[in-house]
Amino acid sequence: MCPRLFLFPLAFLVLSLSSVPGREASAAPSTPVPPPAPSVTEGAPVGSEAVTVKVLEEGFAVEAEFRAAVSPALAYAVLTDFDHMSRFVPNLEQSHIQSRNGNRWQVEQHGVARYGPFSQDYESVREILLQPGRIQAHAISGTAKRLDSDMQLSGDGRETRFHYHAVVVPDTWLPPLVGPAAMRQQIAGQFSALVREMLRRQAQAAE
């Protein structure tokens, strides 16, 4: 019998990742100057090099940093369009805002994740805290013991820089064949879908 897959959402979107046995985290670079974030233009996806997955004592941490040639206002609008997110995020079947209380929203999402021959349905309910240039999320229920994430946006009217951080403690595990490399690809793929939607809306507005 195949082990149950661990799946969970990250912040403003649903991402399907895993906890993995062993350690595949490298030491942090000694230089204090970070490399420039990869830039995304129309047709170019967010590459897995923009994503880092670090195995922790319990669970793991995800970092992602990239840029896109859209305004921060447009980027923010897409990242918080939960009621329509299933239209442009792969494997997300349902997404809706359950309630709003000022800048605190409660969001529910359902979908399915696939890693080769393995697949698993997932669901989540999260409290979303919206601030200017920032989207934070905390899992209330779903396939994670703990999930806290933070997306920050900065830039001018022509380009947006995205910095994403999440700490996750899973409720189960995936087979070892699904490691950090596969997880990075999965995360990058969903960020790519979000950026493509931003670029699509930008092109539509320019017509």
N, C-alpha and C. Protein backbone atom coordinates (compact mmCIF):
# COMPACT_ATOMS: atom_id res chain seq x y z
N MET A 1 0.84 -1.19 0.00
CA MET A 1 0.00 0.00 0.00
C MET A 1 0.88 1.24 0.00
N CYS A 2 0.60 2.19 -0.86
CA CYS A 2 1.42 3.38 -0.96
C CYS A 2 1.18 4.28 0.24
N PRO A 3 2.23 4.91 0.77
CA PRO A 3 2.04 5.84 1.87
C PRO A 3 1.26 7.06 1.41
N ARG A 4 0.52 7.65 2.34
CA ARG A 4 -0.25 8.82 2.01
C ARG A 4 0.69 9.98 1.73
N LEU A 5 0.38 10.74 0.69
CA LEU A 5 1.21 11.88 0.34
C LEU A 5 0.93 13.03 1.29
N PHE A 6 1.96 13.78 1.60
CA PHE A 6 1.76 14.99 2.37
C PHE A 6 1.60 16.16 1.42
N LEU A 7 0.55 16.94 1.57
CA LEU A 7 0.26 18.05 0.69
C LEU A 7 -0.20 19.23 1.52
N PHE A 8 0.17 20.42 1.12
CA PHE A 8 -0.26 21.57 1.89
C PHE A 8 -0.20 22.83 1.05
N PRO A 9 -0.94 23.86 1.46
CA PRO A 9 -0.94 25.13 0.75
C PRO A 9 0.12 26.06 1.30
N LEU A 10 0.55 26.99 0.49
CA LEU A 10 1.49 28.00 0.94
C LEU A 10 0.90 29.37 0.66
N ALA A 11 0.60 30.09 1.69
CA ALA A 11 0.19 31.47 1.63
C ALA A 11 -0.99 31.70 0.71
N PHE A 12 -0.80 32.54 -0.32
CA PHE A 12 -1.90 33.00 -1.15
C PHE A 12 -2.31 31.98 -2.18
N LEU A 13 -1.60 30.90 -2.32
CA LEU A 13 -1.92 29.90 -3.32
C LEU A 13 -1.74 28.52 -2.74
N VAL A 14 -2.23 27.52 -3.43
CA VAL A 14 -2.04 26.15 -2.99
C VAL A 14 -0.82 25.58 -3.67
N LEU A 15 0.08 25.02 -2.89
CA LEU A 15 1.25 24.33 -3.40
C LEU A 15 1.31 22.96 -2.76
N SER A 16 1.73 21.98 -3.50
CA SER A 16 1.77 20.61 -3.02
C SER A 16 3.20 20.19 -2.83
N LEU A 17 3.63 20.10 -1.58
CA LEU A 17 5.01 19.78 -1.28
C LEU A 17 5.06 18.60 -0.33
N SER A 18 6.27 18.30 0.17
CA SER A 18 6.40 17.14 1.03
C SER A 18 7.46 17.35 2.07
N SER A 19 7.38 16.56 3.13
CA SER A 19 8.53 16.43 4.02
C SER A 19 9.32 15.24 3.52
N VAL A 20 10.62 15.27 3.69
CA VAL A 20 11.44 14.19 3.17
C VAL A 20 12.44 13.76 4.22
N PRO A 21 12.79 12.48 4.27
CA PRO A 21 13.78 12.04 5.23
C PRO A 21 15.16 12.53 4.84
N GLY A 22 16.06 12.63 5.82
CA GLY A 22 17.44 13.03 5.53
C GLY A 22 17.60 14.52 5.47
N ARG A 23 18.78 14.96 5.14
CA ARG A 23 19.11 16.37 5.07
C ARG A 23 19.61 16.69 3.68
N GLU A 24 19.04 17.69 3.05
CA GLU A 24 19.51 18.12 1.74
C GLU A 24 19.63 19.63 1.73
N ALA A 25 20.04 20.18 2.86
CA ALA A 25 20.20 21.63 2.96
C ALA A 25 21.67 21.95 3.04
N SER A 26 22.10 22.92 2.29
CA SER A 26 23.50 23.33 2.31
C SER A 26 23.65 24.54 3.22
N ALA A 27 24.87 24.80 3.64
CA ALA A 27 25.12 25.93 4.52
C ALA A 27 24.86 27.23 3.78
N ALA A 28 24.41 28.23 4.52
CA ALA A 28 24.12 29.53 3.92
C ALA A 28 25.41 30.16 3.41
N PRO A 29 25.36 30.87 2.29
CA PRO A 29 26.57 31.50 1.77
C PRO A 29 27.07 32.56 2.74
N SER A 30 28.40 32.72 2.78
CA SER A 30 28.99 33.65 3.72
C SER A 30 28.86 35.10 3.28
N THR A 31 28.72 35.33 1.98
CA THR A 31 28.63 36.70 1.50
C THR A 31 27.31 37.33 1.91
N PRO A 32 27.31 38.58 2.36
CA PRO A 32 26.07 39.23 2.77
C PRO A 32 25.29 39.81 1.60
N VAL A 33 25.84 39.77 0.41
CA VAL A 33 25.18 40.34 -0.75
C VAL A 33 24.43 39.25 -1.50
N PRO A 34 23.07 39.30 -1.54
CA PRO A 34 22.31 38.26 -2.23
C PRO A 34 22.41 38.42 -3.73
N PRO A 35 22.28 37.33 -4.48
CA PRO A 35 22.29 37.43 -5.94
C PRO A 35 21.02 38.11 -6.41
N PRO A 36 21.03 38.72 -7.59
CA PRO A 36 19.82 39.35 -8.09
C PRO A 36 18.73 38.32 -8.33
N ALA A 37 17.49 38.70 -8.04
CA ALA A 37 16.38 37.78 -8.24
C ALA A 37 16.18 37.55 -9.72
N PRO A 38 15.86 36.30 -10.12
CA PRO A 38 15.60 36.04 -11.53
C PRO A 38 14.45 36.91 -12.04
N SER A 39 14.57 37.40 -13.25
CA SER A 39 13.55 38.25 -13.83
C SER A 39 12.67 37.44 -14.77
N VAL A 40 11.36 37.71 -14.72
CA VAL A 40 10.40 36.98 -15.53
C VAL A 40 9.80 37.93 -16.56
N THR A 41 9.86 37.54 -17.82
CA THR A 41 9.19 38.27 -18.88
C THR A 41 8.16 37.35 -19.50
N GLU A 42 7.38 37.88 -20.41
CA GLU A 42 6.29 37.10 -20.99
C GLU A 42 6.81 35.82 -21.62
N GLY A 43 6.20 34.69 -21.24
CA GLY A 43 6.57 33.40 -21.78
C GLY A 43 7.68 32.70 -21.03
N ALA A 44 8.37 33.41 -20.14
CA ALA A 44 9.47 32.81 -19.38
C ALA A 44 8.99 32.47 -17.98
N PRO A 45 9.05 31.21 -17.58
CA PRO A 45 8.55 30.82 -16.26
C PRO A 45 9.53 31.16 -15.15
N VAL A 46 9.05 31.08 -13.92
CA VAL A 46 9.92 31.18 -12.75
C VAL A 46 10.69 29.87 -12.66
N GLY A 47 12.00 29.93 -12.72
CA GLY A 47 12.81 28.72 -12.68
C GLY A 47 12.98 28.18 -11.27
N SER A 48 13.30 26.90 -11.17
CA SER A 48 13.49 26.29 -9.85
C SER A 48 14.67 26.90 -9.10
N GLU A 49 15.59 27.58 -9.84
CA GLU A 49 16.71 28.22 -9.16
C GLU A 49 16.26 29.40 -8.30
N ALA A 50 15.03 29.87 -8.50
CA ALA A 50 14.49 30.96 -7.70
C ALA A 50 13.94 30.48 -6.36
N VAL A 51 13.90 29.16 -6.17
CA VAL A 51 13.29 28.56 -4.98
C VAL A 51 14.32 27.77 -4.19
N THR A 52 14.30 27.90 -2.88
CA THR A 52 15.16 27.12 -1.99
C THR A 52 14.30 26.37 -0.99
N VAL A 53 14.58 25.09 -0.81
CA VAL A 53 13.89 24.26 0.19
C VAL A 53 14.93 23.76 1.18
N LYS A 54 14.76 24.08 2.43
CA LYS A 54 15.71 23.70 3.47
C LYS A 54 15.03 22.79 4.49
N VAL A 55 15.60 21.59 4.69
CA VAL A 55 15.05 20.64 5.66
C VAL A 55 15.44 21.09 7.07
N LEU A 56 14.46 21.19 7.95
CA LEU A 56 14.68 21.63 9.32
C LEU A 56 14.61 20.45 10.28
N GLU A 57 14.80 20.73 11.56
CA GLU A 57 14.69 19.69 12.59
C GLU A 57 13.32 19.04 12.54
N GLU A 58 12.30 19.87 12.36
CA GLU A 58 10.93 19.38 12.19
C GLU A 58 10.31 20.18 11.06
N GLY A 59 9.98 19.52 9.98
CA GLY A 59 9.45 20.21 8.82
C GLY A 59 10.55 20.84 7.98
N PHE A 60 10.24 21.93 7.30
CA PHE A 60 11.21 22.57 6.45
C PHE A 60 10.80 24.00 6.14
N ALA A 61 11.73 24.74 5.55
CA ALA A 61 11.50 26.14 5.19
C ALA A 61 11.61 26.30 3.68
N VAL A 62 10.80 27.17 3.14
CA VAL A 62 10.81 27.47 1.71
C VAL A 62 11.09 28.96 1.53
N GLU A 63 12.00 29.28 0.63
CA GLU A 63 12.30 30.66 0.26
C GLU A 63 12.21 30.77 -1.27
N ALA A 64 11.61 31.84 -1.73
CA ALA A 64 11.56 32.09 -3.17
C ALA A 64 11.72 33.58 -3.41
N GLU A 65 12.50 33.92 -4.42
CA GLU A 65 12.70 35.32 -4.77
C GLU A 65 12.82 35.44 -6.29
N PHE A 66 12.02 36.34 -6.86
CA PHE A 66 12.04 36.54 -8.31
C PHE A 66 11.42 37.89 -8.62
N ARG A 67 11.52 38.31 -9.88
CA ARG A 67 10.96 39.58 -10.32
C ARG A 67 10.07 39.35 -11.54
N ALA A 68 9.12 40.26 -11.74
CA ALA A 68 8.26 40.19 -12.92
C ALA A 68 7.99 41.60 -13.42
N ALA A 69 7.86 41.73 -14.73
CA ALA A 69 7.67 43.03 -15.36
C ALA A 69 6.20 43.46 -15.32
N VAL A 70 5.68 43.59 -14.10
CA VAL A 70 4.32 44.08 -13.86
C VAL A 70 4.37 45.02 -12.67
N SER A 71 3.34 45.82 -12.50
CA SER A 71 3.30 46.74 -11.37
C SER A 71 2.98 45.99 -10.08
N PRO A 72 3.44 46.49 -8.93
CA PRO A 72 3.08 45.85 -7.65
C PRO A 72 1.57 45.79 -7.43
N ALA A 73 0.84 46.80 -7.90
CA ALA A 73 -0.62 46.79 -7.72
C ALA A 73 -1.26 45.63 -8.47
N LEU A 74 -0.83 45.39 -9.70
CA LEU A 74 -1.37 44.27 -10.47
C LEU A 74 -0.96 42.95 -9.85
N ALA A 75 0.29 42.83 -9.44
CA ALA A 75 0.76 41.60 -8.81
C ALA A 75 -0.06 41.28 -7.56
N TYR A 76 -0.30 42.29 -6.75
CA TYR A 76 -1.06 42.11 -5.51
C TYR A 76 -2.49 41.67 -5.82
N ALA A 77 -3.08 42.25 -6.85
CA ALA A 77 -4.45 41.90 -7.23
C ALA A 77 -4.56 40.43 -7.62
N VAL A 78 -3.58 39.92 -8.36
CA VAL A 78 -3.61 38.51 -8.77
C VAL A 78 -3.37 37.59 -7.58
N LEU A 79 -2.43 37.94 -6.73
CA LEU A 79 -2.10 37.09 -5.58
C LEU A 79 -3.23 36.99 -4.57
N THR A 80 -4.14 37.96 -4.58
CA THR A 80 -5.27 37.94 -3.64
C THR A 80 -6.60 37.64 -4.32
N ASP A 81 -6.56 37.22 -5.57
CA ASP A 81 -7.80 36.89 -6.30
C ASP A 81 -8.19 35.45 -6.01
N PHE A 82 -8.49 35.17 -4.76
CA PHE A 82 -8.75 33.80 -4.33
C PHE A 82 -9.99 33.20 -4.97
N ASP A 83 -11.02 34.01 -5.21
CA ASP A 83 -12.26 33.47 -5.76
C ASP A 83 -12.10 32.98 -7.20
N HIS A 84 -11.07 33.43 -7.91
CA HIS A 84 -10.86 33.01 -9.29
C HIS A 84 -9.55 32.24 -9.47
N MET A 85 -8.85 31.96 -8.39
CA MET A 85 -7.51 31.39 -8.49
C MET A 85 -7.49 30.01 -9.14
N SER A 86 -8.56 29.24 -9.01
CA SER A 86 -8.58 27.91 -9.61
C SER A 86 -8.57 27.97 -11.13
N ARG A 87 -8.83 29.13 -11.71
CA ARG A 87 -8.81 29.27 -13.17
C ARG A 87 -7.39 29.32 -13.73
N PHE A 88 -6.43 29.74 -12.90
CA PHE A 88 -5.08 29.91 -13.46
C PHE A 88 -3.97 29.26 -12.65
N VAL A 89 -4.28 28.63 -11.52
CA VAL A 89 -3.27 27.89 -10.76
C VAL A 89 -3.46 26.39 -11.02
N PRO A 90 -2.47 25.69 -11.53
CA PRO A 90 -2.62 24.27 -11.86
C PRO A 90 -2.92 23.42 -10.63
N ASN A 91 -3.78 22.42 -10.82
CA ASN A 91 -4.16 21.44 -9.81
C ASN A 91 -5.00 22.01 -8.67
N LEU A 92 -5.37 23.27 -8.76
CA LEU A 92 -6.27 23.87 -7.77
C LEU A 92 -7.68 23.79 -8.33
N GLU A 93 -8.54 23.02 -7.68
CA GLU A 93 -9.87 22.76 -8.20
C GLU A 93 -10.93 23.71 -7.66
N GLN A 94 -10.79 24.12 -6.41
CA GLN A 94 -11.75 25.04 -5.80
C GLN A 94 -11.00 26.05 -4.94
N SER A 95 -11.46 27.28 -4.97
CA SER A 95 -10.85 28.32 -4.15
C SER A 95 -11.89 29.41 -3.91
N HIS A 96 -12.11 29.75 -2.65
CA HIS A 96 -13.05 30.83 -2.37
C HIS A 96 -12.77 31.47 -1.02
N ILE A 97 -13.21 32.70 -0.89
CA ILE A 97 -13.08 33.44 0.36
C ILE A 97 -14.29 33.12 1.22
N GLN A 98 -14.05 32.53 2.38
CA GLN A 98 -15.14 32.18 3.29
C GLN A 98 -15.68 33.39 4.03
N SER A 99 -14.80 34.28 4.44
CA SER A 99 -15.23 35.46 5.20
C SER A 99 -14.19 36.56 5.09
N ARG A 100 -14.65 37.80 5.33
CA ARG A 100 -13.77 38.97 5.37
C ARG A 100 -14.06 39.75 6.64
N ASN A 101 -13.01 40.14 7.33
CA ASN A 101 -13.13 40.99 8.50
C ASN A 101 -12.03 42.04 8.41
N GLY A 102 -12.34 43.13 7.71
CA GLY A 102 -11.31 44.13 7.45
C GLY A 102 -10.23 43.56 6.56
N ASN A 103 -8.99 43.62 7.03
CA ASN A 103 -7.88 43.09 6.24
C ASN A 103 -7.55 41.64 6.58
N ARG A 104 -8.43 40.98 7.31
CA ARG A 104 -8.26 39.56 7.63
C ARG A 104 -9.32 38.76 6.89
N TRP A 105 -8.84 37.87 6.04
CA TRP A 105 -9.73 37.01 5.27
C TRP A 105 -9.52 35.56 5.67
N GLN A 106 -10.57 34.77 5.50
CA GLN A 106 -10.45 33.33 5.67
C GLN A 106 -10.70 32.68 4.32
N VAL A 107 -9.74 31.87 3.87
CA VAL A 107 -9.78 31.31 2.51
C VAL A 107 -9.74 29.79 2.57
N GLU A 108 -10.59 29.17 1.78
CA GLU A 108 -10.61 27.70 1.67
C GLU A 108 -10.25 27.30 0.25
N GLN A 109 -9.39 26.28 0.12
CA GLN A 109 -8.98 25.79 -1.19
C GLN A 109 -8.91 24.26 -1.19
N HIS A 110 -9.24 23.68 -2.35
CA HIS A 110 -9.18 22.23 -2.55
C HIS A 110 -8.50 21.96 -3.88
N GLY A 111 -7.78 20.85 -3.95
CA GLY A 111 -7.14 20.48 -5.20
C GLY A 111 -6.55 19.09 -5.13
N VAL A 112 -5.70 18.79 -6.10
CA VAL A 112 -5.03 17.49 -6.14
C VAL A 112 -3.59 17.73 -6.56
N ALA A 113 -2.68 17.00 -5.95
CA ALA A 113 -1.26 17.12 -6.30
C ALA A 113 -0.77 15.81 -6.89
N ARG A 114 0.16 15.92 -7.83
CA ARG A 114 0.67 14.72 -8.50
C ARG A 114 2.19 14.77 -8.56
N TYR A 115 2.82 13.65 -8.17
CA TYR A 115 4.25 13.44 -8.31
C TYR A 115 4.44 12.10 -9.00
N GLY A 116 4.59 12.10 -10.32
CA GLY A 116 4.73 10.84 -11.04
C GLY A 116 3.50 9.97 -10.82
N PRO A 117 3.68 8.73 -10.32
CA PRO A 117 2.55 7.83 -10.14
C PRO A 117 1.74 8.14 -8.88
N PHE A 118 2.21 9.06 -8.05
CA PHE A 118 1.53 9.37 -6.80
C PHE A 118 0.63 10.60 -6.96
N SER A 119 -0.52 10.55 -6.30
CA SER A 119 -1.41 11.71 -6.29
C SER A 119 -2.21 11.70 -5.00
N GLN A 120 -2.69 12.88 -4.61
CA GLN A 120 -3.43 13.00 -3.37
C GLN A 120 -4.27 14.28 -3.38
N ASP A 121 -5.51 14.15 -2.96
CA ASP A 121 -6.34 15.33 -2.78
C ASP A 121 -5.85 16.12 -1.58
N TYR A 122 -6.05 17.41 -1.59
CA TYR A 122 -5.68 18.23 -0.44
C TYR A 122 -6.70 19.34 -0.25
N GLU A 123 -6.71 19.88 0.95
CA GLU A 123 -7.59 21.00 1.26
C GLU A 123 -6.94 21.85 2.33
N SER A 124 -7.36 23.08 2.42
CA SER A 124 -6.81 23.96 3.45
C SER A 124 -7.79 25.08 3.76
N VAL A 125 -7.73 25.53 5.00
CA VAL A 125 -8.41 26.76 5.42
C VAL A 125 -7.35 27.61 6.09
N ARG A 126 -7.19 28.84 5.62
CA ARG A 126 -6.14 29.72 6.15
C ARG A 126 -6.68 31.09 6.49
N GLU A 127 -6.09 31.69 7.49
CA GLU A 127 -6.35 33.09 7.78
C GLU A 127 -5.30 33.91 7.04
N ILE A 128 -5.78 34.85 6.23
CA ILE A 128 -4.90 35.69 5.43
C ILE A 128 -4.91 37.11 6.01
N LEU A 129 -3.74 37.64 6.29
CA LEU A 129 -3.60 39.02 6.75
C LEU A 129 -3.03 39.85 5.61
N LEU A 130 -3.81 40.84 5.17
CA LEU A 130 -3.43 41.67 4.04
C LEU A 130 -2.92 43.02 4.53
N GLN A 131 -1.72 43.38 4.10
CA GLN A 131 -1.12 44.67 4.39
C GLN A 131 -0.56 45.23 3.09
N PRO A 132 -0.32 46.53 3.03
CA PRO A 132 0.27 47.08 1.80
C PRO A 132 1.59 46.40 1.46
N GLY A 133 1.65 45.79 0.29
CA GLY A 133 2.86 45.12 -0.15
C GLY A 133 3.19 43.84 0.58
N ARG A 134 2.24 43.28 1.30
CA ARG A 134 2.54 42.09 2.09
C ARG A 134 1.30 41.21 2.27
N ILE A 135 1.49 39.90 2.15
CA ILE A 135 0.41 38.92 2.34
C ILE A 135 0.93 37.84 3.27
N GLN A 136 0.33 37.72 4.45
CA GLN A 136 0.73 36.70 5.41
C GLN A 136 -0.39 35.69 5.57
N ALA A 137 -0.04 34.45 5.89
CA ALA A 137 -1.04 33.40 6.03
C ALA A 137 -0.69 32.47 7.17
N HIS A 138 -1.73 31.98 7.83
CA HIS A 138 -1.59 31.01 8.92
C HIS A 138 -2.65 29.94 8.73
N ALA A 139 -2.23 28.68 8.70
CA ALA A 139 -3.17 27.57 8.49
C ALA A 139 -4.04 27.36 9.72
N ILE A 140 -5.34 27.27 9.49
CA ILE A 140 -6.30 26.94 10.54
C ILE A 140 -6.57 25.45 10.54
N SER A 141 -6.68 24.89 9.35
CA SER A 141 -6.86 23.44 9.19
C SER A 141 -6.33 23.03 7.83
N GLY A 142 -6.13 21.72 7.65
CA GLY A 142 -5.60 21.22 6.39
C GLY A 142 -4.47 20.24 6.62
N THR A 143 -3.75 19.92 5.55
CA THR A 143 -2.73 18.88 5.60
C THR A 143 -1.37 19.42 6.03
N ALA A 144 -1.35 20.05 7.19
CA ALA A 144 -0.10 20.49 7.81
C ALA A 144 -0.34 20.71 9.29
N LYS A 145 0.60 20.30 10.11
CA LYS A 145 0.53 20.59 11.54
C LYS A 145 0.75 22.07 11.78
N ARG A 146 1.63 22.65 10.98
CA ARG A 146 1.91 24.08 11.08
C ARG A 146 2.22 24.62 9.70
N LEU A 147 1.70 25.79 9.41
CA LEU A 147 2.02 26.48 8.17
C LEU A 147 1.92 27.97 8.39
N ASP A 148 3.03 28.65 8.30
CA ASP A 148 3.07 30.11 8.38
C ASP A 148 3.87 30.62 7.19
N SER A 149 3.32 31.58 6.48
CA SER A 149 3.99 32.06 5.28
C SER A 149 3.86 33.57 5.14
N ASP A 150 4.74 34.13 4.34
CA ASP A 150 4.83 35.58 4.20
C ASP A 150 5.31 35.90 2.78
N MET A 151 4.51 36.64 2.04
CA MET A 151 4.89 37.12 0.72
C MET A 151 5.01 38.64 0.77
N GLN A 152 6.17 39.16 0.37
CA GLN A 152 6.38 40.60 0.34
C GLN A 152 6.68 41.05 -1.08
N LEU A 153 6.10 42.17 -1.45
CA LEU A 153 6.25 42.73 -2.79
C LEU A 153 6.86 44.12 -2.68
N SER A 154 7.75 44.43 -3.61
CA SER A 154 8.33 45.76 -3.68
C SER A 154 8.63 46.07 -5.13
N GLY A 155 8.86 47.36 -5.43
CA GLY A 155 9.18 47.73 -6.79
C GLY A 155 8.56 49.05 -7.18
N ASP A 156 8.66 49.37 -8.46
CA ASP A 156 8.06 50.59 -8.97
C ASP A 156 6.85 50.23 -9.82
N GLY A 157 6.40 51.13 -10.64
CA GLY A 157 5.22 50.86 -11.43
C GLY A 157 5.44 49.94 -12.61
N ARG A 158 6.70 49.58 -12.87
CA ARG A 158 7.01 48.76 -14.05
C ARG A 158 7.48 47.35 -13.71
N GLU A 159 7.98 47.15 -12.49
CA GLU A 159 8.51 45.85 -12.12
C GLU A 159 8.23 45.58 -10.65
N THR A 160 7.99 44.31 -10.34
CA THR A 160 7.74 43.90 -8.96
C THR A 160 8.75 42.84 -8.55
N ARG A 161 9.27 42.98 -7.35
CA ARG A 161 10.16 41.98 -6.77
C ARG A 161 9.37 41.21 -5.72
N PHE A 162 9.41 39.89 -5.78
CA PHE A 162 8.67 39.01 -4.88
C PHE A 162 9.66 38.32 -3.94
N HIS A 163 9.34 38.33 -2.65
CA HIS A 163 10.13 37.59 -1.67
C HIS A 163 9.17 36.77 -0.83
N TYR A 164 9.27 35.45 -0.92
CA TYR A 164 8.35 34.53 -0.27
C TYR A 164 9.09 33.67 0.74
N HIS A 165 8.49 33.51 1.91
CA HIS A 165 9.07 32.66 2.96
C HIS A 165 7.95 31.87 3.61
N ALA A 166 8.20 30.60 3.90
CA ALA A 166 7.23 29.76 4.60
C ALA A 166 7.95 28.75 5.48
N VAL A 167 7.36 28.45 6.62
CA VAL A 167 7.82 27.38 7.50
C VAL A 167 6.67 26.39 7.65
N VAL A 168 6.95 25.12 7.38
CA VAL A 168 5.91 24.10 7.34
C VAL A 168 6.32 22.89 8.16
N VAL A 169 5.39 22.40 8.96
CA VAL A 169 5.56 21.12 9.66
C VAL A 169 4.48 20.19 9.13
N PRO A 170 4.84 19.16 8.38
CA PRO A 170 3.85 18.28 7.75
C PRO A 170 3.20 17.32 8.73
N ASP A 171 2.07 16.76 8.31
CA ASP A 171 1.39 15.77 9.14
C ASP A 171 1.70 14.34 8.73
N THR A 172 2.45 14.16 7.62
CA THR A 172 2.87 12.84 7.17
C THR A 172 4.04 13.02 6.22
N TRP A 173 4.34 12.04 5.37
CA TRP A 173 5.54 12.09 4.56
C TRP A 173 5.29 11.56 3.16
N LEU A 174 6.23 11.86 2.29
CA LEU A 174 6.24 11.35 0.92
C LEU A 174 7.37 10.35 0.74
N PRO A 175 7.28 9.49 -0.26
CA PRO A 175 8.41 8.60 -0.56
C PRO A 175 9.67 9.40 -0.84
N PRO A 176 10.86 8.84 -0.53
CA PRO A 176 12.11 9.58 -0.71
C PRO A 176 12.35 10.07 -2.13
N LEU A 177 11.73 9.43 -3.12
CA LEU A 177 11.96 9.86 -4.50
C LEU A 177 11.45 11.28 -4.74
N VAL A 178 10.55 11.75 -3.89
CA VAL A 178 10.08 13.12 -4.00
C VAL A 178 10.88 13.97 -3.03
N GLY A 179 11.97 14.55 -3.51
CA GLY A 179 12.86 15.31 -2.65
C GLY A 179 12.76 16.79 -2.90
N PRO A 180 13.67 17.57 -2.29
CA PRO A 180 13.65 19.02 -2.45
C PRO A 180 13.69 19.50 -3.90
N ALA A 181 14.40 18.78 -4.78
CA ALA A 181 14.47 19.21 -6.18
C ALA A 181 13.08 19.17 -6.82
N ALA A 182 12.33 18.09 -6.57
CA ALA A 182 10.98 17.98 -7.11
C ALA A 182 10.07 19.04 -6.50
N MET A 183 10.28 19.31 -5.23
CA MET A 183 9.49 20.32 -4.56
C MET A 183 9.75 21.70 -5.14
N ARG A 184 11.01 22.01 -5.42
CA ARG A 184 11.34 23.30 -6.02
C ARG A 184 10.66 23.47 -7.37
N GLN A 185 10.66 22.41 -8.16
CA GLN A 185 10.01 22.47 -9.47
C GLN A 185 8.51 22.71 -9.33
N GLN A 186 7.90 22.04 -8.35
CA GLN A 186 6.47 22.19 -8.13
C GLN A 186 6.14 23.63 -7.72
N ILE A 187 6.90 24.18 -6.79
CA ILE A 187 6.66 25.55 -6.34
C ILE A 187 6.89 26.54 -7.47
N ALA A 188 7.99 26.37 -8.19
CA ALA A 188 8.30 27.27 -9.30
C ALA A 188 7.21 27.23 -10.36
N GLY A 189 6.65 26.06 -10.60
CA GLY A 189 5.58 25.93 -11.58
C GLY A 189 4.35 26.72 -11.21
N GLN A 190 4.01 26.73 -9.92
CA GLN A 190 2.82 27.46 -9.51
C GLN A 190 3.08 28.97 -9.46
N PHE A 191 4.28 29.37 -9.08
CA PHE A 191 4.60 30.79 -9.17
C PHE A 191 4.58 31.24 -10.64
N SER A 192 5.04 30.38 -11.54
CA SER A 192 5.01 30.71 -12.97
C SER A 192 3.58 30.95 -13.44
N ALA A 193 2.65 30.11 -12.98
CA ALA A 193 1.25 30.27 -13.37
C ALA A 193 0.70 31.61 -12.89
N LEU A 194 1.07 32.01 -11.68
CA LEU A 194 0.61 33.29 -11.16
C LEU A 194 1.19 34.45 -11.96
N VAL A 195 2.48 34.38 -12.28
CA VAL A 195 3.10 35.46 -13.05
C VAL A 195 2.50 35.53 -14.46
N ARG A 196 2.24 34.40 -15.06
CA ARG A 196 1.63 34.42 -16.40
C ARG A 196 0.26 35.09 -16.36
N GLU A 197 -0.49 34.85 -15.29
CA GLU A 197 -1.79 35.52 -15.16
C GLU A 197 -1.61 37.03 -15.01
N MET A 198 -0.60 37.44 -14.27
CA MET A 198 -0.31 38.88 -14.15
C MET A 198 0.00 39.48 -15.52
N LEU A 199 0.86 38.80 -16.28
CA LEU A 199 1.23 39.29 -17.60
C LEU A 199 0.04 39.29 -18.55
N ARG A 200 -0.83 38.30 -18.42
CA ARG A 200 -2.03 38.24 -19.27
C ARG A 200 -2.93 39.44 -19.00
N ARG A 201 -3.15 39.73 -17.73
CA ARG A 201 -4.02 40.86 -17.37
C ARG A 201 -3.40 42.18 -17.79
N GLN A 202 -2.09 42.27 -17.69
CA GLN A 202 -1.42 43.50 -18.10
C GLN A 202 -1.58 43.72 -19.60
N ALA A 203 -1.40 42.66 -20.39
CA ALA A 203 -1.56 42.76 -21.84
C ALA A 203 -3.00 43.10 -22.21
N GLN A 204 -3.94 42.51 -21.49
CA GLN A 204 -5.36 42.77 -21.76
C GLN A 204 -5.70 44.23 -21.47
N ALA A 205 -5.14 44.78 -20.40
CA ALA A 205 -5.42 46.17 -20.05
C ALA A 205 -4.83 47.14 -21.06
N ALA A 206 -3.77 46.71 -21.75
CA ALA A 206 -3.09 47.58 -22.71
C ALA A 206 -3.78 47.60 -24.08
N GLU A 207 -4.69 46.68 -24.31
CA GLU A 207 -5.36 46.60 -25.61
C GLU A 207 -6.32 47.77 -25.83
